[in-house]
Amino acid sequence: MKWWKSAAVVLLFTLLVHGAWSQNQPQSPTRGNSVDNLGLQVEDQNHDQPQTAPAQTPADEGARATQETIVSSKEAKQLFRSVDEILQFASQDTGLPIRHNVKRRLAKRDEVQAYIQKSMKEDKDAKRLERSSAVLKKFGLLPRNFDLSSFLVTMLREQVAGYYDVKTKTVNLLNWVDVEQQKPVLAHELTHALQDQSFGIEKWMKGSSEGVDNKQTDPRASDIENDEEEAARQAIVEGQAMVVLLDYSLAPTGKTMLDSPQIVDALKQGMLTGTTDSPAFRDAPIFLKEELTFPYRYGLDFTGALLKAGGKELAYAGAFKDPPKTTREIMEPQTYLAHEKVEPMKMIDMEKDFKSYDPFDIGAMGEFDVDVLVEQYAGRDEAAAIYPEWRGGYYFAGRPKADKAAPIGVLYVSRWSSAAKAAEFAAVYAKSLTQRYQKRQALGADGKVADDAPPVDSWRTLRGRHAWLTEEGVVVIEVRGDEILISESLDDDTTKRVETDFWPEEKAAPGKP
């Protein structure tokens, strides 16, 4: 369910890394956070002509203006001179060659925010962000009144500390962040420059979607595969850069990321909790915290696992040449190393089955999405026990053609390692209804309200077909063996068509025609 698929949100690959790292390094005089951006376009500057911002900041900066120190021209030149040295370190650490110099410049805070706001309004994929936000609210992963676009702008303004621009091939540093503090950020961003020089990040990130009509904005079935593939590739890009950031920071101690598991664990935890100077992120819903930091936290572990298994060649260039395709491979590196093949799920005929609906959004529900969903409704321990049993999943969301004001209808199908695990996940999903709907009346086989039905939060497992009437229509959860079909706010005829399509006659449930 990759709402950040939008290039406007590609900018949000948010990293609370430097703040988390500083918390574990008492000698660090300042704190900050960094964010990567693989799509931000800014004015290109020659690397020996550093651009500095005026000492005055706009009036609307308020209290922040009194706290920030603008980097001077002398400090900028000093910082820019360190780029080549840090680039050399990153090349040695990754084994990726330096093919040419990297341009460098300083950016002002208002430049960054102006671009964020502009790109989120005009980007060709901005519609996907809007649609995915609505679906996330339907699943209960975002509050109903949550303004995702505004949150992203606020958070990015709060967090950004450096980014690499793939279009201008420029590493961008920020004129309001301490020079020494930016050096580990440089190690991270210059790793992106090396990745770009060898593999072309912008093109590589498209994966199997390369060549698809970029002007197409309507949801399509290919989004299901692309969601997971893009999430996995982003974890490669960011995970490698995270390892280099840590190796650079630890170099004075003679250690590396692989020698420092406790520091790695503390860093990952710090990314999730945020810092005192990151209120927007700190107060964000669980889903956003997990989703925004996924490529950094899990990508870091994935790259570390590959380093242990095959050294630099496998961990860096090897991962680009043979990238993982799912979040399962990122979260469980042994499945990638073992070349595990998960059988694709049956695709229903969406055009025929949803003939009464206009497509609103389509996407994957991967292993990571399941992990976050279960964590939200059942807790961290339950999530850790269930998510490795995922074996596939996708969703379709549509608007009724006859009633544009009606709630969004959602279909969600998934497959699990066993019937027992499917029943466990179905029970967790049923429990989520108590938090997502004010009205929940169990329906019997005849479609009438069953007043004697047990409450949904009393089940540990759920098998068979169950339905509830809510204020947004009927919710159906049907479990057959290791597969689950969930229908929310869809009309009865559409739900029946999907059931017949997803479970053909030879696999019909006992007692059904």
Protein backbone atom coordinates (compact mmCIF):
# COMPACT_ATOMS: atom_id res chain seq x y z
CA MET A 1 0.00 0.00 0.00
CA LYS A 2 2.70 2.38 -1.10
CA TRP A 3 1.15 5.84 -0.92
CA TRP A 4 4.62 7.34 -1.28
CA LYS A 5 4.72 6.09 -4.83
CA SER A 6 4.05 9.66 -5.84
CA ALA A 7 7.23 11.41 -6.91
CA ALA A 8 6.06 14.30 -4.79
CA VAL A 9 6.46 12.00 -1.85
CA VAL A 10 9.61 10.41 -3.19
CA LEU A 11 10.94 13.49 -1.55
CA LEU A 12 9.84 12.19 1.74
CA PHE A 13 12.19 9.34 2.19
CA THR A 14 12.38 10.71 5.68
CA LEU A 15 15.26 9.81 7.88
CA LEU A 16 15.30 10.68 11.52
CA VAL A 17 18.70 9.13 11.42
CA HIS A 18 20.97 11.92 12.36
CA GLY A 19 18.89 12.91 15.36
CA ALA A 20 18.74 9.30 16.50
CA TRP A 21 22.49 8.93 15.93
CA SER A 22 23.26 12.11 17.86
CA GLN A 23 21.27 10.85 20.83
CA ASN A 24 23.71 7.96 21.07
CA GLN A 25 26.80 10.13 20.63
CA PRO A 26 27.29 12.42 23.67
CA GLN A 27 30.22 14.20 22.03
CA SER A 28 28.01 15.52 19.23
CA PRO A 29 27.47 19.23 19.92
CA THR A 30 24.29 19.56 17.88
CA ARG A 31 21.34 17.50 16.87
CA GLY A 32 19.50 17.25 13.61
CA ASN A 33 17.73 14.93 11.25
CA SER A 34 18.30 14.09 7.63
CA VAL A 35 16.10 13.27 4.75
CA ASP A 36 16.89 11.90 1.34
CA ASN A 37 15.28 13.08 -1.79
CA LEU A 38 15.73 11.28 -5.06
CA GLY A 39 13.59 13.68 -7.01
CA LEU A 40 14.02 17.23 -5.74
CA GLN A 41 14.97 19.63 -8.51
CA VAL A 42 16.86 22.73 -7.46
CA GLU A 43 19.10 25.27 -9.12
CA ASP A 44 22.35 23.69 -10.22
CA GLN A 45 25.55 25.32 -9.00
CA ASN A 46 29.15 24.77 -9.98
CA HIS A 47 30.83 22.88 -7.15
CA ASP A 48 33.49 25.51 -6.59
CA GLN A 49 30.93 28.31 -6.32
CA PRO A 50 29.04 27.63 -3.08
CA GLN A 51 25.73 29.46 -2.80
CA THR A 52 25.02 30.93 0.59
CA ALA A 53 21.80 32.33 1.93
CA PRO A 54 21.41 35.84 3.31
CA ALA A 55 21.67 36.19 7.06
CA GLN A 56 18.06 37.40 7.21
CA THR A 57 15.26 34.83 7.13
CA PRO A 58 11.64 35.57 6.16
CA ALA A 59 9.44 37.09 8.84
CA ASP A 60 7.14 34.09 8.91
CA GLU A 61 9.94 31.95 10.26
CA GLY A 62 9.10 33.27 13.72
CA ALA A 63 10.92 31.68 16.63
CA ARG A 64 12.84 29.33 14.35
CA ALA A 65 14.78 32.25 12.91
CA THR A 66 16.21 33.06 16.30
CA GLN A 67 17.49 29.51 16.75
CA GLU A 68 19.13 28.85 13.38
CA THR A 69 22.60 29.86 12.35
CA ILE A 70 23.09 30.43 8.65
CA VAL A 71 26.22 28.75 7.26
CA SER A 72 28.75 31.37 6.21
CA SER A 73 30.53 31.45 2.85
CA LYS A 74 33.78 30.39 4.54
CA GLU A 75 32.07 27.45 6.28
CA ALA A 76 30.38 26.45 3.02
CA LYS A 77 33.72 26.28 1.22
CA GLN A 78 35.12 24.16 4.04
CA LEU A 79 32.15 21.82 3.83
CA PHE A 80 32.34 21.59 0.06
CA ARG A 81 36.05 20.71 0.23
CA SER A 82 35.14 17.69 2.37
CA VAL A 83 32.86 16.29 -0.35
CA ASP A 84 35.68 14.69 -2.34
CA GLU A 85 37.22 13.12 0.78
CA ILE A 86 33.89 11.66 1.91
CA LEU A 87 33.08 10.51 -1.62
CA GLN A 88 36.35 8.57 -1.62
CA PHE A 89 35.39 6.98 1.72
CA ALA A 90 31.98 5.98 0.36
CA SER A 91 33.58 4.46 -2.74
CA GLN A 92 35.99 2.37 -0.67
CA ASP A 93 33.21 1.32 1.72
CA THR A 94 30.85 0.16 -1.03
CA GLY A 95 33.20 -0.89 -3.80
CA LEU A 96 31.26 1.39 -6.16
CA PRO A 97 33.65 3.36 -8.41
CA ILE A 98 33.84 7.16 -8.68
CA ARG A 99 33.09 7.85 -12.33
CA HIS A 100 33.06 11.65 -12.09
CA ASN A 101 32.97 14.49 -9.59
CA VAL A 102 29.74 15.30 -7.76
CA LYS A 103 28.36 18.83 -7.95
CA ARG A 104 27.47 20.45 -4.65
CA ARG A 105 25.46 23.41 -3.41
CA LEU A 106 23.72 24.89 -0.36
CA ALA A 107 19.94 25.22 -0.30
CA LYS A 108 17.78 27.52 1.80
CA ARG A 109 14.86 26.27 3.89
CA ASP A 110 12.27 28.23 1.92
CA GLU A 111 13.59 26.82 -1.37
CA VAL A 112 13.00 23.33 -0.08
CA GLN A 113 9.52 24.00 1.24
CA ALA A 114 8.45 25.85 -1.92
CA TYR A 115 9.47 22.90 -4.04
CA ILE A 116 7.78 20.40 -1.75
CA GLN A 117 4.50 22.28 -1.98
CA LYS A 118 4.76 22.82 -5.74
CA SER A 119 5.64 19.22 -6.56
CA MET A 120 2.90 17.78 -4.36
CA LYS A 121 0.33 19.83 -6.27
CA GLU A 122 1.65 19.28 -9.77
CA ASP A 123 3.30 15.86 -9.77
CA LYS A 124 1.79 13.35 -12.17
CA ASP A 125 1.35 10.87 -9.33
CA ALA A 126 -0.18 13.30 -6.84
CA LYS A 127 -3.57 11.71 -7.53
CA ARG A 128 -2.23 8.40 -6.23
CA LEU A 129 -1.30 10.07 -2.96
CA GLU A 130 -4.82 11.44 -2.60
CA ARG A 131 -6.39 8.08 -3.40
CA SER A 132 -4.10 6.05 -1.20
CA SER A 133 -4.73 8.43 1.69
CA ALA A 134 -8.46 7.71 1.43
CA VAL A 135 -7.84 3.94 1.36
CA LEU A 136 -5.49 4.13 4.36
CA LYS A 137 -8.27 5.87 6.27
CA LYS A 138 -10.68 3.12 5.21
CA PHE A 139 -8.32 0.52 6.66
CA GLY A 140 -8.01 2.61 9.80
CA LEU A 141 -4.28 3.24 9.34
CA LEU A 142 -4.81 6.99 9.25
CA PRO A 143 -7.38 9.01 11.22
CA ARG A 144 -10.38 10.03 9.13
CA ASN A 145 -9.56 13.74 9.47
CA PHE A 146 -5.84 13.37 8.80
CA ASP A 147 -4.40 15.71 6.12
CA LEU A 148 -1.54 13.65 4.69
CA SER A 149 -0.30 16.28 2.25
CA SER A 150 -0.04 18.98 4.93
CA PHE A 151 1.65 16.54 7.28
CA LEU A 152 4.29 15.71 4.69
CA VAL A 153 5.10 19.35 4.02
CA THR A 154 5.38 20.11 7.75
CA MET A 155 7.44 17.05 8.50
CA LEU A 156 9.83 17.50 5.61
CA ARG A 157 10.44 21.09 6.57
CA GLU A 158 11.14 19.84 10.06
CA GLN A 159 13.42 16.96 9.07
CA VAL A 160 15.34 17.74 5.92
CA ALA A 161 19.11 18.06 6.32
CA GLY A 162 20.44 17.06 2.92
CA TYR A 163 19.49 15.39 -0.33
CA TYR A 164 20.92 14.17 -3.62
CA ASP A 165 19.23 15.33 -6.80
CA VAL A 166 19.30 12.64 -9.51
CA LYS A 167 18.24 15.09 -12.20
CA THR A 168 21.06 17.62 -11.73
CA LYS A 169 23.50 15.08 -10.23
CA THR A 170 24.01 17.45 -7.31
CA VAL A 171 24.38 16.83 -3.60
CA ASN A 172 22.41 19.49 -1.76
CA LEU A 173 23.36 20.60 1.72
CA LEU A 174 21.37 22.99 3.86
CA ASN A 175 22.48 26.43 4.92
CA TRP A 176 20.82 26.24 8.35
CA VAL A 177 22.50 23.03 9.60
CA ASP A 178 25.85 22.93 11.39
CA VAL A 179 28.78 22.06 9.10
CA GLU A 180 30.16 19.20 11.23
CA GLN A 181 26.71 17.76 11.61
CA GLN A 182 26.30 17.57 7.84
CA LYS A 183 29.33 15.36 7.21
CA PRO A 184 27.62 12.05 8.11
CA VAL A 185 24.69 13.26 5.98
CA LEU A 186 27.18 13.75 3.14
CA ALA A 187 28.38 10.16 3.52
CA HIS A 188 24.77 9.03 3.08
CA GLU A 189 23.96 11.30 0.14
CA LEU A 190 27.25 10.67 -1.66
CA THR A 191 26.47 6.96 -1.54
CA HIS A 192 23.40 7.83 -3.61
CA ALA A 193 25.67 9.70 -6.03
CA LEU A 194 27.81 6.56 -6.47
CA GLN A 195 24.73 4.38 -6.91
CA ASP A 196 23.49 6.82 -9.52
CA GLN A 197 26.79 6.90 -11.40
CA SER A 198 26.88 3.11 -11.71
CA PHE A 199 23.20 2.20 -12.09
CA GLY A 200 21.13 5.30 -12.77
CA ILE A 201 18.87 5.50 -9.72
CA GLU A 202 15.93 7.24 -11.39
CA LYS A 203 15.59 4.62 -14.13
CA TRP A 204 16.48 1.70 -11.83
CA MET A 205 13.83 2.65 -9.29
CA LYS A 206 11.11 2.18 -11.94
CA GLY A 207 11.88 -1.54 -12.18
CA SER A 208 9.32 -3.44 -14.24
CA SER A 209 7.21 -0.29 -14.55
CA GLU A 210 9.78 1.27 -16.87
CA GLY A 211 8.20 1.97 -20.23
CA VAL A 212 4.70 2.21 -18.77
CA ASP A 213 2.79 5.31 -19.85
CA ASN A 214 3.89 7.87 -17.28
CA LYS A 215 0.90 10.07 -18.07
CA GLN A 216 -1.51 7.35 -16.97
CA THR A 217 -3.06 8.40 -13.66
CA ASP A 218 -5.91 5.88 -13.30
CA PRO A 219 -5.20 2.87 -11.06
CA ARG A 220 -4.21 -0.29 -12.90
CA ALA A 221 -3.49 -3.91 -12.01
CA SER A 222 0.25 -3.42 -12.61
CA ASP A 223 0.31 -1.16 -9.55
CA ILE A 224 0.06 -4.30 -7.40
CA GLU A 225 3.42 -5.65 -8.50
CA ASN A 226 5.03 -2.23 -8.76
CA ASP A 227 4.15 -1.29 -5.17
CA GLU A 228 6.18 -4.09 -3.64
CA GLU A 229 8.98 -3.86 -6.17
CA GLU A 230 9.47 -0.14 -5.62
CA ALA A 231 9.38 -0.55 -1.84
CA ALA A 232 12.08 -3.23 -2.03
CA ARG A 233 14.26 -1.16 -4.34
CA GLN A 234 13.95 1.90 -2.15
CA ALA A 235 15.17 -0.18 0.79
CA ILE A 236 18.26 -1.12 -1.25
CA VAL A 237 19.01 2.50 -2.09
CA GLU A 238 18.55 3.74 1.46
CA GLY A 239 19.90 0.71 3.30
CA GLN A 240 23.25 0.91 1.53
CA ALA A 241 23.51 4.62 2.28
CA MET A 242 22.69 3.95 5.94
CA VAL A 243 25.54 1.47 6.25
CA VAL A 244 27.98 4.01 4.80
CA LEU A 245 26.70 6.72 7.16
CA LEU A 246 27.35 4.45 10.13
CA ASP A 247 30.71 3.23 8.86
CA TYR A 248 31.82 6.83 8.32
CA SER A 249 30.66 7.90 11.78
CA LEU A 250 32.31 4.89 13.44
CA ALA A 251 35.57 5.07 11.47
CA PRO A 252 37.45 7.07 14.16
CA THR A 253 36.78 4.22 16.60
CA GLY A 254 38.12 1.58 14.21
CA LYS A 255 34.73 -0.14 14.05
CA THR A 256 32.07 -0.62 11.39
CA MET A 257 28.33 -1.13 11.37
CA LEU A 258 28.83 -4.91 11.46
CA ASP A 259 30.91 -4.56 14.65
CA SER A 260 28.30 -2.45 16.42
CA PRO A 261 24.93 -4.24 16.70
CA GLN A 262 23.90 -2.32 19.83
CA ILE A 263 24.43 1.03 18.11
CA VAL A 264 22.47 -0.18 15.09
CA ASP A 265 19.56 -1.27 17.28
CA ALA A 266 19.54 2.02 19.18
CA LEU A 267 19.66 3.95 15.93
CA LYS A 268 16.69 2.07 14.46
CA GLN A 269 14.68 2.58 17.62
CA GLY A 270 15.55 6.27 17.61
CA MET A 271 14.24 6.57 14.08
CA LEU A 272 10.82 5.34 15.21
CA THR A 273 10.51 7.47 18.32
CA GLY A 274 11.81 10.73 16.90
CA THR A 275 13.50 13.53 18.81
CA THR A 276 12.38 16.60 20.74
CA ASP A 277 12.94 18.74 17.65
CA SER A 278 10.75 16.53 15.45
CA PRO A 279 7.22 17.05 16.84
CA ALA A 280 5.41 16.37 13.56
CA PHE A 281 6.99 12.96 13.21
CA ARG A 282 6.90 12.15 16.90
CA ASP A 283 3.12 12.65 17.02
CA ALA A 284 2.40 10.88 13.72
CA PRO A 285 0.22 7.73 13.50
CA ILE A 286 1.98 4.36 13.88
CA PHE A 287 1.57 3.59 10.20
CA LEU A 288 3.39 6.73 9.07
CA LYS A 289 6.29 6.24 11.49
CA GLU A 290 6.76 2.67 10.34
CA GLU A 291 6.25 3.37 6.65
CA LEU A 292 8.49 6.43 6.44
CA THR A 293 11.41 4.73 8.15
CA PHE A 294 10.98 1.28 6.55
CA PRO A 295 13.62 1.67 3.80
CA TYR A 296 16.19 2.93 6.30
CA ARG A 297 15.62 0.47 9.14
CA TYR A 298 15.00 -2.70 7.16
CA GLY A 299 17.28 -1.66 4.31
CA LEU A 300 20.11 -1.27 6.83
CA ASP A 301 19.56 -4.80 8.16
CA PHE A 302 19.20 -6.21 4.64
CA THR A 303 22.49 -4.70 3.48
CA GLY A 304 24.18 -5.92 6.66
CA ALA A 305 22.92 -9.46 6.03
CA LEU A 306 24.29 -9.40 2.49
CA LEU A 307 27.64 -8.07 3.72
CA LYS A 308 27.91 -11.02 6.08
CA ALA A 309 26.83 -13.51 3.41
CA GLY A 310 28.90 -12.32 0.47
CA GLY A 311 30.85 -9.16 1.20
CA LYS A 312 30.74 -5.81 -0.60
CA GLU A 313 30.11 -7.15 -4.09
CA LEU A 314 26.91 -8.92 -3.08
CA ALA A 315 25.73 -6.19 -0.69
CA TYR A 316 26.15 -3.23 -3.05
CA ALA A 317 26.55 -3.81 -6.78
CA GLY A 318 25.06 -7.30 -6.46
CA ALA A 319 21.84 -6.01 -4.90
CA PHE A 320 21.42 -3.51 -7.74
CA LYS A 321 22.03 -6.14 -10.41
CA ASP A 322 19.69 -8.69 -8.83
CA PRO A 323 17.28 -6.67 -6.68
CA PRO A 324 14.66 -8.15 -4.35
CA LYS A 325 11.06 -7.85 -5.51
CA THR A 326 9.08 -7.81 -2.27
CA THR A 327 9.18 -6.36 1.22
CA ARG A 328 9.28 -9.96 2.45
CA GLU A 329 12.76 -10.36 0.97
CA ILE A 330 13.87 -7.10 2.61
CA MET A 331 12.42 -7.98 6.02
CA GLU A 332 13.67 -11.57 5.84
CA PRO A 333 17.00 -11.49 3.94
CA GLN A 334 17.33 -15.26 4.14
CA THR A 335 14.44 -15.59 1.69
CA TYR A 336 16.36 -13.42 -0.79
CA LEU A 337 19.61 -15.32 -0.28
CA ALA A 338 17.78 -18.63 -0.71
CA HIS A 339 16.09 -17.37 -3.91
CA GLU A 340 12.67 -18.14 -2.45
CA LYS A 341 9.86 -18.03 -5.00
CA VAL A 342 6.41 -17.09 -3.70
CA GLU A 343 3.65 -18.20 -6.07
CA PRO A 344 1.76 -15.18 -7.46
CA MET A 345 -1.77 -14.78 -6.18
CA LYS A 346 -4.69 -15.34 -8.50
CA MET A 347 -5.75 -12.08 -10.12
CA ILE A 348 -9.46 -11.54 -10.41
CA ASP A 349 -11.06 -9.92 -13.46
CA MET A 350 -11.41 -6.45 -11.97
CA GLU A 351 -13.13 -4.93 -14.98
CA LYS A 352 -15.85 -7.58 -14.99
CA ASP A 353 -16.18 -8.11 -11.23
CA PHE A 354 -16.35 -4.39 -10.47
CA LYS A 355 -18.48 -3.34 -13.43
CA SER A 356 -20.63 -1.23 -11.09
CA TYR A 357 -17.61 0.69 -9.74
CA ASP A 358 -15.13 3.23 -11.04
CA PRO A 359 -11.56 2.23 -10.05
CA PHE A 360 -10.29 4.44 -7.23
CA ASP A 361 -7.07 2.74 -6.14
CA ILE A 362 -5.29 -0.59 -6.61
CA GLY A 363 -2.18 -1.82 -4.83
CA ALA A 364 -0.25 -4.47 -2.99
CA MET A 365 -0.72 -5.44 0.64
CA GLY A 366 2.74 -6.79 1.22
CA GLU A 367 4.41 -8.37 4.23
CA PHE A 368 5.36 -5.00 5.64
CA ASP A 369 1.81 -3.63 5.27
CA VAL A 370 0.51 -6.66 7.16
CA ASP A 371 3.11 -6.13 9.89
CA VAL A 372 1.98 -2.54 10.49
CA LEU A 373 -1.72 -3.36 10.30
CA VAL A 374 -1.43 -6.16 12.88
CA GLU A 375 0.77 -4.03 15.12
CA GLN A 376 -1.85 -1.28 15.17
CA TYR A 377 -4.72 -3.59 16.10
CA ALA A 378 -3.05 -6.37 18.09
CA GLY A 379 0.37 -5.13 19.23
CA ARG A 380 4.01 -5.61 18.31
CA ASP A 381 4.36 -9.21 19.55
CA GLU A 382 1.36 -10.39 17.56
CA ALA A 383 2.63 -8.62 14.46
CA ALA A 384 6.07 -10.24 14.75
CA ALA A 385 4.42 -13.66 14.97
CA ILE A 386 2.08 -13.20 12.01
CA TYR A 387 3.83 -11.17 9.31
CA PRO A 388 6.42 -13.85 8.34
CA GLU A 389 3.49 -16.12 7.42
CA TRP A 390 2.32 -13.74 4.65
CA ARG A 391 2.35 -15.25 1.17
CA GLY A 392 0.62 -12.59 -0.94
CA GLY A 393 -2.06 -9.92 -0.94
CA TYR A 394 -3.60 -7.04 -2.86
CA TYR A 395 -6.54 -4.65 -2.67
CA PHE A 396 -8.97 -2.86 -4.96
CA ALA A 397 -10.90 0.28 -4.01
CA GLY A 398 -13.73 1.68 -6.09
CA ARG A 399 -16.46 4.32 -6.16
CA PRO A 400 -20.02 3.20 -7.00
CA LYS A 401 -20.91 4.54 -10.45
CA ALA A 402 -24.50 5.10 -9.40
CA ASP A 403 -23.67 7.03 -6.22
CA LYS A 404 -20.49 9.13 -6.17
CA ALA A 405 -21.24 10.22 -2.61
CA ALA A 406 -21.29 6.65 -1.28
CA PRO A 407 -18.36 5.33 0.83
CA ILE A 408 -15.41 3.81 -0.99
CA GLY A 409 -15.81 0.08 -1.52
CA VAL A 410 -12.75 -2.08 -0.81
CA LEU A 411 -11.77 -5.65 -1.66
CA TYR A 412 -8.73 -7.17 0.07
CA VAL A 413 -7.49 -10.70 -0.64
CA SER A 414 -4.53 -12.42 1.00
CA ARG A 415 -2.79 -15.79 1.24
CA TRP A 416 -0.91 -17.29 4.20
CA SER A 417 1.54 -20.07 4.95
CA SER A 418 -1.22 -22.27 6.42
CA ALA A 419 -4.93 -22.34 7.15
CA ALA A 420 -4.15 -21.81 10.84
CA LYS A 421 -2.24 -18.58 10.15
CA ALA A 422 -4.96 -17.35 7.82
CA ALA A 423 -7.48 -17.87 10.63
CA GLU A 424 -5.27 -15.91 13.05
CA PHE A 425 -4.96 -12.94 10.73
CA ALA A 426 -8.69 -12.99 9.96
CA ALA A 427 -9.42 -12.71 13.69
CA VAL A 428 -7.10 -9.70 14.02
CA TYR A 429 -8.79 -8.05 11.07
CA ALA A 430 -12.21 -8.70 12.56
CA LYS A 431 -11.10 -7.05 15.80
CA SER A 432 -10.08 -3.96 13.84
CA LEU A 433 -13.75 -3.35 13.06
CA THR A 434 -14.34 -2.30 16.67
CA GLN A 435 -11.93 0.62 16.21
CA ARG A 436 -12.94 1.53 12.68
CA TYR A 437 -16.74 1.51 12.81
CA GLN A 438 -19.16 2.83 15.41
CA LYS A 439 -21.87 0.44 14.28
CA ARG A 440 -21.13 -3.32 14.03
CA GLN A 441 -24.06 -5.71 13.83
CA ALA A 442 -23.31 -9.34 13.01
CA LEU A 443 -25.38 -10.77 10.15
CA GLY A 444 -26.56 -14.36 9.98
CA ALA A 445 -26.53 -16.62 6.92
CA ASP A 446 -29.93 -15.18 5.95
CA GLY A 447 -28.52 -11.67 5.88
CA LYS A 448 -30.46 -10.58 8.94
CA VAL A 449 -29.00 -9.15 12.13
CA ALA A 450 -27.93 -11.92 14.55
CA ASP A 451 -28.22 -10.46 18.04
CA ASP A 452 -26.69 -13.54 19.69
CA ALA A 453 -23.41 -13.43 17.71
CA PRO A 454 -20.23 -13.33 19.85
CA PRO A 455 -18.30 -10.02 19.85
CA VAL A 456 -15.53 -9.82 17.26
CA ASP A 457 -12.86 -9.05 19.85
CA SER A 458 -13.45 -12.40 21.56
CA TRP A 459 -12.02 -14.49 18.71
CA ARG A 460 -8.43 -15.70 18.45
CA THR A 461 -9.09 -17.41 15.12
CA LEU A 462 -11.75 -16.89 12.47
CA ARG A 463 -12.81 -19.42 9.83
CA GLY A 464 -15.65 -19.58 7.34
CA ARG A 465 -17.78 -16.66 6.16
CA HIS A 466 -18.83 -13.83 8.49
CA ALA A 467 -20.57 -10.52 7.82
CA TRP A 468 -21.36 -7.34 9.75
CA LEU A 469 -23.53 -4.34 9.00
CA THR A 470 -21.74 -1.02 9.63
CA GLU A 471 -22.58 2.63 9.05
CA GLU A 472 -20.69 2.34 5.72
CA GLY A 473 -22.32 -0.84 4.52
CA VAL A 474 -21.61 -4.54 4.88
CA VAL A 475 -18.21 -5.99 5.80
CA VAL A 476 -17.57 -9.61 4.80
CA ILE A 477 -14.60 -11.70 5.98
CA GLU A 478 -14.38 -15.12 4.35
CA VAL A 479 -11.65 -17.65 5.08
CA ARG A 480 -11.12 -20.73 2.95
CA GLY A 481 -8.01 -22.73 3.76
CA ASP A 482 -4.96 -20.47 3.57
CA GLU A 483 -6.79 -17.68 1.69
CA ILE A 484 -8.88 -14.75 2.93
CA LEU A 485 -11.30 -12.53 1.04
CA ILE A 486 -12.47 -9.31 2.68
CA SER A 487 -15.18 -7.07 1.24
CA GLU A 488 -15.99 -3.68 2.78
CA SER A 489 -18.82 -1.38 1.64
CA LEU A 490 -19.31 -3.28 -1.63
CA ASP A 491 -22.78 -4.19 -2.80
CA ASP A 492 -23.88 -7.82 -2.43
CA ASP A 493 -23.79 -8.64 -6.16
CA THR A 494 -20.21 -7.39 -6.52
CA THR A 495 -19.04 -9.34 -3.47
CA LYS A 496 -20.61 -12.53 -4.87
CA ARG A 497 -18.99 -12.00 -8.28
CA VAL A 498 -15.60 -11.57 -6.66
CA GLU A 499 -16.05 -14.68 -4.50
CA THR A 500 -16.98 -16.76 -7.56
CA ASP A 501 -14.03 -15.38 -9.52
CA PHE A 502 -11.47 -15.73 -6.73
CA TRP A 503 -12.71 -19.17 -5.68
CA PRO A 504 -13.87 -20.98 -8.83
CA GLU A 505 -16.35 -23.85 -8.61
CA GLU A 506 -13.76 -26.56 -8.09
CA LYS A 507 -12.62 -24.79 -4.92
CA ALA A 508 -16.08 -23.89 -3.62
CA ALA A 509 -16.65 -24.13 0.10
CA PRO A 510 -18.44 -27.26 1.37
CA GLY A 511 -22.20 -26.95 1.06
CA LYS A 512 -22.03 -24.16 -1.54
CA PRO A 513 -23.05 -24.67 -5.17
